[in-house]
């Protein structure tokens, strides 16, 4: 669902930027506020994209050393990977909360033609951060339980990177589906 919301938002933003560009070029008129909407869209879209990446295990990893590790060390690396993503989620959530509280205290408004009270888009941003935070922490707890329980195969299956064979298989299945 997060991927769909993000995708629709980015497509709408692209269409709006295109219209703004054409109207400026041919009629010397600005719609005003398109840059403001772009900022809000990216602020909300980023945590949604983080969720998709997290759930699909699509974050970047460098496997050149990983493939030569033993199962126990791989499990620890997988745990460190999910731990770092969880810590990132906590940090971003904390930053977002601090920003929203400051915005509320100062009753900040956007320095744009719309003069939007920033608390409204920032509350949506905060909700998007919570949508990232909750699964990140949940997966972190799950990974910890697997690690402590010595269930290295499950840890690898759920949190490890795909093997080159798995990646090839997924690409071929995607190609057939299209």
Protein backbone atom coordinates (compact mmCIF):
# COMPACT_ATOMS: atom_id res chain seq x y z
CA UNK A 1 0.00 0.00 0.00
CA UNK A 2 2.86 2.37 0.86
CA UNK A 3 4.39 1.76 -2.59
CA UNK A 4 1.09 2.60 -4.28
CA UNK A 5 0.60 5.80 -2.25
CA UNK A 6 4.18 6.83 -2.96
CA UNK A 7 3.84 6.02 -6.67
CA UNK A 8 0.56 7.88 -7.15
CA UNK A 9 1.92 10.87 -5.24
CA UNK A 10 5.06 11.04 -7.37
CA UNK A 11 3.07 10.70 -10.61
CA UNK A 12 0.71 13.47 -9.53
CA UNK A 13 3.67 15.62 -8.57
CA UNK A 14 5.35 14.99 -11.93
CA UNK A 15 2.15 15.98 -13.76
CA UNK A 16 1.81 19.12 -11.66
CA UNK A 17 5.43 20.14 -12.25
CA UNK A 18 4.92 19.56 -15.99
CA UNK A 19 1.81 21.77 -16.04
CA UNK A 20 3.61 24.44 -13.98
CA UNK A 21 6.56 24.39 -16.39
CA UNK A 22 4.35 24.65 -19.49
CA UNK A 23 2.19 27.41 -18.03
CA UNK A 24 5.29 29.38 -17.08
CA UNK A 25 6.89 28.85 -20.50
CA UNK A 26 3.89 29.71 -22.67
CA UNK A 27 1.85 32.09 -20.52
CA UNK A 28 4.43 33.56 -18.10
CA UNK A 29 2.18 32.62 -15.20
CA UNK A 30 3.12 30.64 -12.13
CA UNK A 31 0.64 28.40 -10.38
CA UNK A 32 2.49 29.11 -7.14
CA UNK A 33 3.09 26.56 -4.43
CA UNK A 34 4.15 23.65 -6.65
CA UNK A 35 7.55 23.63 -4.97
CA UNK A 36 5.78 23.58 -1.60
CA UNK A 37 3.72 20.54 -2.63
CA UNK A 38 6.87 18.87 -3.96
CA UNK A 39 8.58 19.28 -0.60
CA UNK A 40 5.59 17.82 1.25
CA UNK A 41 5.34 14.94 -1.20
CA UNK A 42 8.97 14.00 -0.81
CA UNK A 43 8.85 14.37 2.99
CA UNK A 44 5.90 11.96 3.17
CA UNK A 45 7.06 9.76 0.30
CA UNK A 46 10.52 9.06 1.70
CA UNK A 47 9.39 7.14 4.80
CA UNK A 48 6.87 5.23 2.68
CA UNK A 49 9.67 4.26 0.32
CA UNK A 50 11.75 3.23 3.35
CA UNK A 51 8.95 0.87 4.40
CA UNK A 52 8.81 -0.76 0.98
CA UNK A 53 12.59 -1.17 0.95
CA UNK A 54 12.55 -2.57 4.48
CA UNK A 55 9.78 -5.09 3.82
CA UNK A 56 11.26 -6.27 0.52
CA UNK A 57 14.79 -6.47 1.97
CA UNK A 58 15.87 -4.23 -0.88
CA UNK A 59 18.34 -2.08 1.03
CA UNK A 60 21.81 -2.06 -0.42
CA UNK A 61 24.30 -4.59 0.87
CA UNK A 62 27.78 -5.44 -0.24
CA UNK A 63 27.86 -9.23 -0.40
CA UNK A 64 31.43 -9.81 -1.50
CA UNK A 65 32.54 -10.66 2.05
CA UNK A 66 29.16 -11.87 3.30
CA UNK A 67 29.06 -14.90 0.99
CA UNK A 68 32.25 -16.28 2.55
CA UNK A 69 31.02 -16.03 6.15
CA UNK A 70 29.77 -18.91 8.23
CA UNK A 71 26.09 -19.18 9.19
CA UNK A 72 26.55 -17.71 12.70
CA UNK A 73 28.51 -14.70 11.47
CA UNK A 74 25.98 -14.16 8.67
CA UNK A 75 23.21 -14.17 11.28
CA UNK A 76 25.05 -11.47 13.24
CA UNK A 77 25.55 -9.40 10.09
CA UNK A 78 21.86 -9.76 9.24
CA UNK A 79 20.98 -8.65 12.75
CA UNK A 80 23.31 -5.65 12.52
CA UNK A 81 21.66 -4.77 9.23
CA UNK A 82 18.14 -4.75 10.66
CA UNK A 83 19.39 -3.11 13.87
CA UNK A 84 20.89 -0.23 11.89
CA UNK A 85 17.63 0.25 9.98
CA UNK A 86 15.70 0.22 13.25
CA UNK A 87 18.05 2.80 14.74
CA UNK A 88 17.65 4.94 11.62
CA UNK A 89 13.87 4.74 12.01
CA UNK A 90 14.12 5.78 15.68
CA UNK A 91 16.44 8.68 14.82
CA UNK A 92 14.21 9.93 11.98
CA UNK A 93 11.10 9.59 14.14
CA UNK A 94 12.76 11.56 16.95
CA UNK A 95 13.83 14.27 14.52
CA UNK A 96 10.31 14.44 13.10
CA UNK A 97 8.69 14.68 16.54
CA UNK A 98 11.11 17.46 17.54
CA UNK A 99 10.35 19.36 14.33
CA UNK A 100 6.58 19.00 14.75
CA UNK A 101 6.75 20.17 18.37
CA UNK A 102 8.83 23.22 17.39
CA UNK A 103 6.43 23.99 14.57
CA UNK A 104 3.52 23.79 16.96
CA UNK A 105 5.25 25.97 19.56
CA UNK A 106 6.18 28.68 17.06
CA UNK A 107 3.02 28.31 14.94
CA UNK A 108 5.28 28.21 11.87
CA UNK A 109 3.92 28.81 8.41
CA UNK A 110 5.44 28.08 5.01
CA UNK A 111 7.30 30.96 3.40
CA UNK A 112 5.39 30.48 0.15
CA UNK A 113 2.40 32.14 -1.51
CA UNK A 114 0.05 29.73 0.27
CA UNK A 115 1.48 30.45 3.76
CA UNK A 116 0.42 26.96 4.85
CA UNK A 117 0.48 26.34 8.60
CA UNK A 118 3.30 23.79 8.67
CA UNK A 119 1.74 21.70 11.42
CA UNK A 120 -0.67 20.07 8.92
CA UNK A 121 1.82 18.67 6.40
CA UNK A 122 4.22 17.85 9.23
CA UNK A 123 1.58 15.76 11.00
CA UNK A 124 1.20 13.73 7.80
CA UNK A 125 5.00 13.43 7.71
CA UNK A 126 4.92 12.22 11.32
CA UNK A 127 2.33 9.55 10.47
CA UNK A 128 4.52 8.39 7.56
CA UNK A 129 7.48 8.13 9.95
CA UNK A 130 5.40 6.02 12.34
CA UNK A 131 4.51 3.76 9.40
CA UNK A 132 8.26 3.26 8.91
CA UNK A 133 9.13 3.03 12.61
CA UNK A 134 6.68 0.31 13.66
CA UNK A 135 7.70 -2.41 11.19
CA UNK A 136 11.38 -1.50 11.60
CA UNK A 137 11.15 -2.07 15.35
CA UNK A 138 8.98 -5.17 14.93
CA UNK A 139 11.48 -6.74 12.55
CA UNK A 140 14.31 -5.80 14.87
CA UNK A 141 12.64 -7.67 17.75
CA UNK A 142 11.94 -10.67 15.50
CA UNK A 143 15.55 -10.75 14.31
CA UNK A 144 16.82 -10.55 17.89
CA UNK A 145 14.66 -13.52 18.92
CA UNK A 146 15.95 -15.57 15.98
CA UNK A 147 19.54 -14.62 16.73
CA UNK A 148 19.31 -15.42 20.45
CA UNK A 149 17.49 -18.66 19.64
CA UNK A 150 20.33 -19.72 17.33
CA UNK A 151 17.94 -20.08 14.38
CA UNK A 152 20.49 -19.02 11.78
CA UNK A 153 18.70 -20.52 8.77
CA UNK A 154 15.48 -18.67 9.58
CA UNK A 155 17.51 -15.52 10.21
CA UNK A 156 19.16 -15.83 6.82
CA UNK A 157 15.87 -16.56 5.06
CA UNK A 158 14.06 -13.62 6.64
CA UNK A 159 16.79 -10.99 6.95
CA UNK A 160 19.69 -12.01 4.74
CA UNK A 161 20.23 -10.78 1.22
CA UNK A 162 18.99 -12.86 -1.68
CA UNK A 163 21.55 -15.11 -3.29
CA UNK A 164 22.42 -14.38 -6.94
CA UNK A 165 20.30 -17.41 -7.89
CA UNK A 166 17.29 -16.06 -5.97
CA UNK A 167 17.71 -12.65 -7.57
CA UNK A 168 17.88 -14.19 -11.04
CA UNK A 169 14.80 -16.30 -10.35
CA UNK A 170 12.87 -13.24 -9.12
CA UNK A 171 13.87 -11.22 -12.19
CA UNK A 172 12.84 -14.01 -14.56
CA UNK A 173 9.48 -14.38 -12.78
CA UNK A 174 8.95 -10.63 -12.99
CA UNK A 175 9.81 -10.69 -16.69
CA UNK A 176 7.30 -13.48 -17.32
CA UNK A 177 4.62 -11.65 -15.35
CA UNK A 178 5.11 -8.54 -17.47
